């Protein structure tokens, strides 16, 4: 059981070890929506073939080494005041964590669809599933597809488990790469003001959605955007600006009135070693863009004002630098009050869902999760090192759109994921094309002063 302070207390051997849901897990659990599963999709490309049986053994051992990843939701009465994770000794009976689907036409597309269609149930441990798919685009190579229930784990935690499995499979222990060194420019202690937080931000304009439940997804392999020597901004700032300008252009094309854009940025401060805390450990911060800034940035893309995009990048860098430095609860102070175990958890769930609906107009415009340069080699021995890794975060309404990026083998791997209630596949393709153009335009922006050595959100 647990002590009053929420710490884990070992119980007699006949009873399981229970861990109370942290704030993020509980809020995720409260706000689950039928038809829009909280699934994280991770796609890893390897140049060689993977032996599923060998991978199954390696993954089982990796889960044992990261016991917080091998959990299920403990049952309880409706009047309980907390949800609990139950740590298990291994996968539940009937749960095959690693599977190998039969070869089929468009195997990669079908595997992605399965990742988006449903999340592993919380009632069965572990909340991760892995598919081993022969890559039809590169005969003799393999694609690994991980589907993760976001209520239990975030993408960096799932990647840490996968990295451990790769070490066990390949027999080569590899320390994670050191985090990038960032040199903050002097003389600026505060971020430039953005749109007031009480002003509802823009929503992504509705395209021609096919309707129905679920998400759509496109992945792209792009060049990592260049920055001028001494640039005061990071690749992450370039991605934020490209995302904001893409949505501003899309909304203007679809007749939406100009409104400020607010992008939720994912920040992860955890270490990447074997002792990395597993679970939902990222924090979310909102990066604002005013209507005037976006208009100037679009003029910069068109050419009349070549420094406008550079100015927007520098202002964005000032904001993100301050936001990353401010330590605050992962979901803000209000979420902690909402999840205090005073009332039965079922009552708090009803309140949380009602507040989420009421706060919908003030939700951010979209989410950008930039994993940065991956810290792990993901070396699977005779199957080779990963040469492409994609992630995608859930894209449920009212945002309805998420942009996720990672840098592997010198390339930027981008996933654009959207709610089918908002956009169709054709809309996603147009947004992706526009995003590439906006990202390329950030390469020609003027640098400013100061500098960092690497982009990335965490």
Protein backbone atom coordinates (compact mmCIF):
# COMPACT_ATOMS: atom_id res chain seq x y z
CA UNK A 1 0.00 0.00 0.00
CA UNK A 2 1.05 3.64 0.25
CA UNK A 3 1.88 5.99 3.08
CA UNK A 4 -0.05 9.21 3.61
CA UNK A 5 2.69 11.10 1.76
CA UNK A 6 2.06 9.01 -1.36
CA UNK A 7 5.29 6.98 -1.16
CA UNK A 8 5.30 3.28 -2.00
CA UNK A 9 5.03 0.92 0.98
CA UNK A 10 5.97 -2.72 0.58
CA UNK A 11 3.14 -5.03 1.63
CA UNK A 12 3.19 -8.72 2.46
CA UNK A 13 4.18 -11.02 -0.40
CA UNK A 14 0.57 -12.06 -0.99
CA UNK A 15 -0.36 -8.48 -1.89
CA UNK A 16 0.79 -6.50 -4.92
CA UNK A 17 2.89 -3.34 -4.77
CA UNK A 18 0.66 -0.34 -5.46
CA UNK A 19 1.78 3.09 -6.69
CA UNK A 20 -0.71 6.00 -6.64
CA UNK A 21 -1.36 7.69 -9.96
CA UNK A 22 0.70 10.88 -10.29
CA UNK A 23 -1.13 14.07 -11.27
CA UNK A 24 -0.49 13.70 -15.01
CA UNK A 25 -1.63 10.07 -15.11
CA UNK A 26 -4.82 10.86 -13.20
CA UNK A 27 -5.75 13.79 -15.45
CA UNK A 28 -5.10 11.63 -18.53
CA UNK A 29 -7.25 8.87 -17.02
CA UNK A 30 -10.08 11.31 -16.27
CA UNK A 31 -10.19 12.72 -19.80
CA UNK A 32 -10.11 9.56 -21.93
CA UNK A 33 -12.46 9.87 -24.90
CA UNK A 34 -14.08 7.05 -26.85
CA UNK A 35 -12.92 7.09 -30.46
CA UNK A 36 -9.75 9.10 -29.76
CA UNK A 37 -7.42 6.70 -27.91
CA UNK A 38 -4.49 8.14 -25.96
CA UNK A 39 -1.95 6.12 -27.89
CA UNK A 40 1.66 7.10 -28.56
CA UNK A 41 3.05 5.76 -31.82
CA UNK A 42 6.79 5.07 -32.11
CA UNK A 43 8.22 3.80 -35.39
CA UNK A 44 11.84 2.61 -35.66
CA UNK A 45 13.55 1.61 -38.91
CA UNK A 46 16.46 -0.83 -38.81
CA UNK A 47 18.64 -1.78 -41.80
CA UNK A 48 18.63 -5.52 -40.97
CA UNK A 49 16.20 -8.20 -39.90
CA UNK A 50 15.11 -8.63 -36.30
CA UNK A 51 14.44 -12.05 -34.78
CA UNK A 52 11.04 -11.67 -33.03
CA UNK A 53 11.73 -14.41 -30.47
CA UNK A 54 15.06 -12.84 -29.51
CA UNK A 55 13.46 -9.41 -29.32
CA UNK A 56 10.68 -10.81 -27.14
CA UNK A 57 13.24 -12.05 -24.62
CA UNK A 58 15.17 -8.77 -24.71
CA UNK A 59 12.02 -6.70 -24.24
CA UNK A 60 10.82 -8.87 -21.35
CA UNK A 61 14.14 -8.33 -19.58
CA UNK A 62 14.03 -4.58 -20.34
CA UNK A 63 10.61 -4.38 -18.69
CA UNK A 64 11.94 -6.19 -15.64
CA UNK A 65 14.73 -3.62 -15.40
CA UNK A 66 12.20 -0.79 -15.61
CA UNK A 67 9.41 -2.13 -13.36
CA UNK A 68 7.44 1.14 -13.50
CA UNK A 69 6.79 0.35 -17.19
CA UNK A 70 5.24 -3.01 -16.30
CA UNK A 71 2.03 -1.93 -14.62
CA UNK A 72 -1.72 -2.23 -14.82
CA UNK A 73 -4.46 -0.20 -13.17
CA UNK A 74 -5.48 -1.82 -9.91
CA UNK A 75 -9.22 -2.44 -9.52
CA UNK A 76 -11.08 -0.59 -6.79
CA UNK A 77 -14.54 0.55 -5.65
CA UNK A 78 -16.16 3.62 -7.15
CA UNK A 79 -15.74 5.56 -3.93
CA UNK A 80 -11.94 5.14 -3.79
CA UNK A 81 -10.03 8.38 -3.54
CA UNK A 82 -7.13 7.46 -5.81
CA UNK A 83 -6.27 5.34 -8.81
CA UNK A 84 -3.33 2.99 -8.25
CA UNK A 85 -0.83 1.32 -10.55
CA UNK A 86 -0.14 -2.29 -9.68
CA UNK A 87 3.44 -3.38 -10.37
CA UNK A 88 3.51 -6.85 -11.93
CA UNK A 89 6.14 -9.57 -12.15
CA UNK A 90 5.72 -9.85 -15.91
CA UNK A 91 3.18 -9.53 -18.73
CA UNK A 92 -0.31 -10.62 -17.79
CA UNK A 93 -1.52 -14.01 -19.06
CA UNK A 94 -2.62 -13.78 -22.67
CA UNK A 95 -0.62 -10.59 -23.33
CA UNK A 96 1.96 -10.99 -26.09
CA UNK A 97 4.03 -7.83 -25.92
CA UNK A 98 6.01 -8.52 -29.11
CA UNK A 99 4.15 -9.79 -32.18
CA UNK A 100 4.95 -10.35 -35.84
CA UNK A 101 1.94 -9.70 -38.11
CA UNK A 102 1.61 -11.58 -41.37
CA UNK A 103 3.08 -9.82 -44.42
CA UNK A 104 0.49 -7.73 -46.24
CA UNK A 105 0.30 -5.02 -48.89
CA UNK A 106 1.16 -1.55 -47.55
CA UNK A 107 2.40 -3.17 -44.34
CA UNK A 108 3.82 0.06 -42.89
CA UNK A 109 0.58 1.99 -43.43
CA UNK A 110 -1.47 -0.81 -41.85
CA UNK A 111 0.87 -0.95 -38.84
CA UNK A 112 0.53 2.82 -38.34
CA UNK A 113 -3.24 2.52 -38.49
CA UNK A 114 -3.16 -0.13 -35.76
CA UNK A 115 -1.00 2.14 -33.60
CA UNK A 116 -3.58 4.91 -33.89
CA UNK A 117 -6.69 2.74 -33.63
CA UNK A 118 -6.40 1.71 -29.98
CA UNK A 119 -4.11 1.96 -26.98
CA UNK A 120 -3.10 -1.08 -24.92
CA UNK A 121 -5.70 -1.45 -22.16
CA UNK A 122 -4.79 -0.19 -18.70
CA UNK A 123 -6.25 -3.35 -17.21
CA UNK A 124 -3.49 -5.59 -18.63
CA UNK A 125 0.25 -5.18 -18.04
CA UNK A 126 2.34 -3.85 -19.64
CA UNK A 127 0.85 -0.78 -21.39
CA UNK A 128 3.20 -1.27 -24.38
CA UNK A 129 2.89 -3.39 -27.52
CA UNK A 130 5.56 -3.98 -30.19
CA UNK A 131 5.05 -5.14 -33.77
CA UNK A 132 7.94 -6.45 -35.87
CA UNK A 133 7.18 -5.65 -39.52
CA UNK A 134 9.27 -6.53 -42.57
CA UNK A 135 9.89 -3.23 -44.33
CA UNK A 136 8.58 -3.57 -47.91
CA UNK A 137 10.24 -0.28 -48.85
CA UNK A 138 13.67 -1.74 -48.06
CA UNK A 139 13.81 -5.53 -48.54
CA UNK A 140 15.82 -7.21 -45.81
CA UNK A 141 15.15 -4.49 -43.26
CA UNK A 142 12.75 -4.18 -40.31
CA UNK A 143 10.34 -1.63 -38.89
CA UNK A 144 9.43 -1.77 -35.21
CA UNK A 145 6.09 -0.23 -34.23
CA UNK A 146 5.47 0.55 -30.58
CA UNK A 147 2.01 1.46 -29.32
CA UNK A 148 2.03 2.98 -25.83
CA UNK A 149 -0.86 3.96 -23.58
CA UNK A 150 -0.13 7.62 -22.77
CA UNK A 151 -1.95 7.40 -19.45
CA UNK A 152 0.90 5.22 -18.16
CA UNK A 153 3.98 6.34 -20.11
CA UNK A 154 5.22 9.17 -22.28
CA UNK A 155 7.37 8.79 -25.39
CA UNK A 156 10.78 9.44 -23.74
CA UNK A 157 10.06 6.80 -21.09
CA UNK A 158 8.99 4.25 -23.71
CA UNK A 159 12.12 5.07 -25.71
CA UNK A 160 14.28 4.44 -22.63
CA UNK A 161 12.73 0.95 -22.30
CA UNK A 162 13.33 0.33 -26.01
CA UNK A 163 16.95 1.47 -25.67
CA UNK A 164 17.48 -1.06 -22.88
CA UNK A 165 15.92 -3.77 -25.06
CA UNK A 166 18.29 -2.80 -27.90
CA UNK A 167 21.31 -3.14 -25.59
CA UNK A 168 20.14 -6.57 -24.45
CA UNK A 169 19.32 -7.71 -27.99
CA UNK A 170 22.59 -6.50 -29.53
CA UNK A 171 24.79 -7.32 -26.56
CA UNK A 172 26.40 -3.89 -26.65
CA UNK A 173 26.01 -1.55 -23.71
CA UNK A 174 25.89 2.08 -24.85
CA UNK A 175 25.75 5.12 -22.61
CA UNK A 176 23.26 7.79 -23.73
CA UNK A 177 24.72 10.81 -25.45
CA UNK A 178 25.40 13.84 -23.29
CA UNK A 179 22.71 16.54 -23.46
CA UNK A 180 23.46 19.48 -25.77
CA UNK A 181 25.32 22.45 -24.35
CA UNK A 182 23.26 25.61 -24.53
CA UNK A 183 24.90 28.98 -24.00
CA UNK A 184 22.29 31.59 -23.06
CA UNK A 185 22.97 35.02 -24.50
CA UNK A 186 23.44 37.68 -21.86
CA UNK A 187 21.45 40.79 -21.22
CA UNK A 188 17.92 39.40 -21.50
CA UNK A 189 16.21 38.31 -18.31
CA UNK A 190 12.58 38.39 -19.43
CA UNK A 191 10.74 37.06 -22.44
CA UNK A 192 8.95 39.44 -24.81
CA UNK A 193 5.24 39.64 -23.99
CA UNK A 194 2.91 37.56 -26.09
CA UNK A 195 -0.86 37.43 -26.40
CA UNK A 196 -2.64 37.67 -23.01
CA UNK A 197 -3.48 34.19 -21.65
CA UNK A 198 -7.16 35.09 -21.20
CA UNK A 199 -7.60 35.68 -24.96
CA UNK A 200 -8.82 32.47 -26.64
CA UNK A 201 -6.19 31.39 -29.17
CA UNK A 202 -6.83 30.33 -32.76
CA UNK A 203 -8.16 26.89 -33.50
CA UNK A 204 -6.88 24.97 -36.53
CA UNK A 205 -9.47 25.68 -39.23
CA UNK A 206 -11.57 22.70 -40.21
CA UNK A 207 -10.65 21.17 -43.54
CA UNK A 208 -12.71 18.51 -45.29
CA UNK A 209 -12.79 15.83 -42.59
CA UNK A 210 -14.10 12.36 -43.47
CA UNK A 211 -15.78 12.17 -40.08
CA UNK A 212 -15.68 9.16 -37.83
CA UNK A 213 -13.43 8.42 -34.89
CA UNK A 214 -9.66 8.23 -34.72
CA UNK A 215 -6.57 9.97 -35.97
CA UNK A 216 -4.75 10.28 -39.28
CA UNK A 217 -0.97 10.38 -39.65
CA UNK A 218 1.74 11.37 -42.12
CA UNK A 219 5.48 10.89 -41.56
CA UNK A 220 8.27 12.71 -43.38
CA UNK A 221 12.05 12.43 -43.61
CA UNK A 222 13.52 15.95 -43.83
CA UNK A 223 16.89 17.65 -43.64
CA UNK A 224 17.66 19.16 -40.23
CA UNK A 225 17.23 22.93 -40.78
CA UNK A 226 20.46 24.88 -40.86
CA UNK A 227 21.13 27.91 -38.68
CA UNK A 228 23.56 30.75 -39.36
CA UNK A 229 26.76 30.72 -37.27
CA UNK A 230 26.13 32.33 -33.88
CA UNK A 231 22.35 32.06 -34.17
CA UNK A 232 20.51 33.00 -30.97
CA UNK A 233 17.83 30.40 -31.62
CA UNK A 234 17.70 26.60 -31.71
CA UNK A 235 16.24 24.08 -34.11
CA UNK A 236 13.36 23.79 -31.66
CA UNK A 237 12.65 27.52 -32.12
CA UNK A 238 12.71 27.04 -35.90
CA UNK A 239 10.17 24.23 -35.54
CA UNK A 240 7.91 26.40 -33.35
CA UNK A 241 7.99 29.28 -35.83
CA UNK A 242 7.39 26.97 -38.80
CA UNK A 243 4.40 25.41 -37.00
CA UNK A 244 2.89 28.79 -36.10
CA UNK A 245 3.31 30.20 -39.62
CA UNK A 246 1.90 27.01 -41.17
CA UNK A 247 -1.29 27.26 -39.08
CA UNK A 248 -1.61 31.01 -39.64
CA UNK A 249 -1.41 30.47 -43.42
CA UNK A 250 -3.82 27.50 -43.28
CA UNK A 251 -6.37 29.46 -41.25
CA UNK A 252 -6.17 32.49 -43.54
CA UNK A 253 -6.72 30.26 -46.59
CA UNK A 254 -9.82 28.82 -44.92
CA UNK A 255 -11.34 32.16 -44.00
CA UNK A 256 -10.69 32.07 -40.26
CA UNK A 257 -10.25 35.51 -38.66
CA UNK A 258 -6.71 36.31 -37.44
CA UNK A 259 -6.18 35.24 -33.84
CA UNK A 260 -3.13 34.69 -31.63
CA UNK A 261 -1.63 31.22 -31.81
CA UNK A 262 -0.47 29.32 -28.75
CA UNK A 263 1.66 26.21 -29.15
CA UNK A 264 2.09 23.75 -26.31
CA UNK A 265 5.75 22.75 -26.16
CA UNK A 266 6.94 19.58 -24.43
CA UNK A 267 9.96 19.92 -22.12
CA UNK A 268 11.76 16.94 -20.58
CA UNK A 269 14.40 17.55 -17.89
CA UNK A 270 14.97 13.91 -16.91
CA UNK A 271 18.35 12.19 -17.25
CA UNK A 272 18.58 9.67 -20.07
CA UNK A 273 20.55 6.94 -18.24
CA UNK A 274 19.27 3.60 -16.99
CA UNK A 275 17.99 5.28 -13.83
CA UNK A 276 15.71 7.63 -15.79
CA UNK A 277 12.33 7.96 -14.00
CA UNK A 278 9.74 6.05 -16.02
CA UNK A 279 6.20 7.32 -16.44
CA UNK A 280 4.81 10.65 -17.58
CA UNK A 281 7.69 12.93 -16.71
CA UNK A 282 7.49 15.71 -19.28
CA UNK A 283 6.08 19.15 -18.53
CA UNK A 284 4.02 21.31 -20.86
CA UNK A 285 4.53 25.01 -21.49
CA UNK A 286 2.67 27.29 -23.89
CA UNK A 287 4.57 29.47 -26.36
CA UNK A 288 2.43 32.43 -27.58
CA UNK A 289 2.50 34.22 -30.94
CA UNK A 290 0.61 37.47 -31.49
CA UNK A 291 -1.34 38.30 -34.64
CA UNK A 292 1.15 41.09 -35.48
CA UNK A 293 4.14 38.76 -35.11
CA UNK A 294 2.58 36.14 -37.35
CA UNK A 295 1.66 38.71 -40.00
CA UNK A 296 5.23 40.03 -40.00
CA UNK A 297 6.60 36.50 -40.18
CA UNK A 298 4.43 35.72 -43.19
CA UNK A 299 5.67 38.88 -44.90
CA UNK A 300 9.17 37.66 -44.26
CA UNK A 301 8.35 34.38 -45.99
CA UNK A 302 6.99 36.30 -48.98
CA UNK A 303 10.22 38.28 -49.31
CA UNK A 304 9.53 42.01 -48.78
CA UNK A 305 10.96 41.99 -45.25
CA UNK A 306 13.79 39.43 -45.09
CA UNK A 307 14.58 40.15 -41.42
CA UNK A 308 11.00 39.60 -40.19
CA UNK A 309 11.38 35.84 -39.88
CA UNK A 310 14.71 36.30 -38.11
CA UNK A 311 13.12 38.72 -35.66
CA UNK A 312 10.32 36.23 -34.96
CA UNK A 313 12.86 33.47 -34.37
CA UNK A 314 14.80 35.58 -31.90
CA UNK A 315 11.66 36.59 -29.98
CA UNK A 316 10.59 32.94 -29.89
CA UNK A 317 14.03 31.94 -28.58
CA UNK A 318 13.73 34.52 -25.79
CA UNK A 319 10.35 33.08 -24.79
CA UNK A 320 11.35 29.42 -24.89
CA UNK A 321 14.54 30.09 -22.93
CA UNK A 322 12.54 31.64 -20.10
CA UNK A 323 9.81 29.00 -20.22
CA UNK A 324 12.32 26.14 -19.99
CA UNK A 325 14.07 27.77 -17.04
CA UNK A 326 10.90 28.27 -14.96
CA UNK A 327 10.25 25.28 -12.72
CA UNK A 328 6.58 24.63 -12.17
CA UNK A 329 4.27 21.60 -11.88
CA UNK A 330 3.91 19.56 -15.07
CA UNK A 331 0.32 20.66 -15.72
CA UNK A 332 0.29 23.81 -13.62
CA UNK A 333 -0.91 24.39 -10.07
CA UNK A 334 -4.61 23.90 -10.81
CA UNK A 335 -4.13 20.25 -11.79
CA UNK A 336 -2.62 19.48 -8.39
CA UNK A 337 -5.68 20.89 -6.64
CA UNK A 338 -8.00 18.99 -8.98
CA UNK A 339 -6.33 15.65 -8.18
CA UNK A 340 -6.04 16.09 -4.39
CA UNK A 341 -7.46 12.87 -2.85
CA UNK A 342 -10.23 14.59 -0.90
CA UNK A 343 -13.30 13.44 -2.85
CA UNK A 344 -13.90 10.04 -4.50
CA UNK A 345 -11.91 9.78 -7.70
CA UNK A 346 -15.08 9.19 -9.75
CA UNK A 347 -16.43 12.58 -8.62
CA UNK A 348 -13.15 14.29 -9.43
CA UNK A 349 -13.21 12.66 -12.87
CA UNK A 350 -16.63 14.18 -13.61
CA UNK A 351 -15.37 17.60 -12.48
CA UNK A 352 -12.20 17.27 -14.60
CA UNK A 353 -14.17 16.39 -17.73
CA UNK A 354 -16.55 19.28 -17.17
CA UNK A 355 -13.69 21.74 -16.67
CA UNK A 356 -11.96 20.44 -19.79
CA UNK A 357 -15.07 21.07 -21.87
CA UNK A 358 -15.53 24.53 -20.38
CA UNK A 359 -11.86 25.43 -20.95
CA UNK A 360 -11.86 24.12 -24.52
CA UNK A 361 -11.88 27.59 -26.16
CA UNK A 362 -8.72 28.49 -24.17
CA UNK A 363 -6.84 25.29 -25.05
CA UNK A 364 -3.67 25.83 -27.06
CA UNK A 365 -3.83 25.79 -30.85
CA UNK A 366 -1.62 22.74 -31.29
CA UNK A 367 1.13 20.70 -29.66
CA UNK A 368 4.77 20.48 -30.73
CA UNK A 369 6.85 17.70 -29.19
CA UNK A 370 10.45 17.91 -30.34
CA UNK A 371 12.53 15.01 -29.03
CA UNK A 372 15.69 16.64 -30.35
CA UNK A 373 18.69 14.56 -31.29
CA UNK A 374 18.03 11.08 -29.89
CA UNK A 375 20.30 10.23 -26.99
CA UNK A 376 20.41 6.49 -27.75
CA UNK A 377 22.15 4.58 -30.54
CA UNK A 378 19.33 1.96 -30.63
CA UNK A 379 21.92 -0.57 -31.78
CA UNK A 380 20.30 -3.96 -32.35
CA UNK A 381 23.53 -5.77 -33.16
CA UNK A 382 23.27 -7.79 -36.38
CA UNK A 383 19.99 -5.96 -37.22
CA UNK A 384 21.90 -2.67 -37.22
CA UNK A 385 21.41 0.77 -35.72
CA UNK A 386 18.19 2.71 -36.11
CA UNK A 387 18.44 5.08 -39.05
CA UNK A 388 14.98 6.62 -38.67
CA UNK A 389 12.71 7.07 -35.64
CA UNK A 390 9.26 8.66 -35.70
CA UNK A 391 7.00 9.52 -32.79
CA UNK A 392 3.46 10.83 -32.78
CA UNK A 393 1.48 12.23 -29.88
CA UNK A 394 -2.32 11.99 -29.55
CA UNK A 395 -4.27 14.61 -31.50
CA UNK A 396 -7.65 14.71 -29.84
CA UNK A 397 -9.99 17.67 -30.04
CA UNK A 398 -10.17 20.59 -29.36
CA UNK A 399 -6.58 20.89 -30.62
CA UNK A 400 -6.98 18.16 -33.19
CA UNK A 401 -3.39 18.44 -34.44
CA UNK A 402 0.04 17.46 -33.09
CA UNK A 403 3.51 17.86 -34.58
CA UNK A 404 6.25 15.54 -33.33
CA UNK A 405 9.90 15.54 -34.42
CA UNK A 406 13.15 13.73 -33.66
CA UNK A 407 16.62 13.82 -35.18
CA UNK A 408 18.26 10.50 -36.04
CA UNK A 409 21.27 9.75 -38.24
CA UNK A 410 21.49 13.40 -39.24
CA UNK A 411 17.90 13.62 -40.48
CA UNK A 412 14.77 15.23 -39.05
CA UNK A 413 11.91 12.76 -38.77
CA UNK A 414 8.55 14.51 -38.52
CA UNK A 415 5.11 13.08 -37.78
CA UNK A 416 1.96 15.09 -38.41
CA UNK A 417 -1.07 13.61 -36.63
CA UNK A 418 -4.60 14.94 -36.69
CA UNK A 419 -8.12 14.15 -35.58
CA UNK A 420 -10.36 12.85 -38.35
CA UNK A 421 -13.08 15.08 -36.94
CA UNK A 422 -10.96 18.07 -38.04
CA UNK A 423 -8.94 17.14 -41.12
CA UNK A 424 -8.81 14.65 -43.98
CA UNK A 425 -5.71 12.97 -45.39
CA UNK A 426 -5.59 15.55 -48.20
CA UNK A 427 -5.63 18.34 -45.62
CA UNK A 428 -2.77 16.71 -43.75
CA UNK A 429 -0.72 16.50 -46.95
CA UNK A 430 -1.26 20.23 -47.63
CA UNK A 431 -0.28 21.15 -44.07
CA UNK A 432 2.86 19.03 -44.32
CA UNK A 433 3.84 20.64 -47.61
CA UNK A 434 3.34 24.12 -46.14
CA UNK A 435 5.29 23.18 -43.01
CA UNK A 436 8.29 22.12 -45.11
CA UNK A 437 8.23 25.45 -46.93
CA UNK A 438 8.05 27.42 -43.68
CA UNK A 439 10.82 25.37 -42.09
CA UNK A 440 13.07 25.88 -45.12
CA UNK A 441 12.40 29.62 -44.92
CA UNK A 442 13.79 29.73 -41.37
CA UNK A 443 17.19 28.72 -42.77
CA UNK A 444 17.59 32.06 -44.53
CA UNK A 445 16.65 34.19 -41.51
CA UNK A 446 19.21 36.56 -40.06
CA UNK A 447 21.01 35.15 -37.06
CA UNK A 448 21.12 37.86 -34.42
CA UNK A 449 23.59 37.42 -31.56
CA UNK A 450 24.30 34.82 -28.92
CA UNK A 451 23.99 31.16 -29.69
CA UNK A 452 23.36 27.59 -28.71
CA UNK A 453 24.80 24.39 -30.01
CA UNK A 454 21.67 22.35 -30.47
CA UNK A 455 17.92 22.51 -30.91
CA UNK A 456 15.40 20.40 -29.08
CA UNK A 457 12.83 20.89 -26.38
CA UNK A 458 14.28 18.88 -23.60
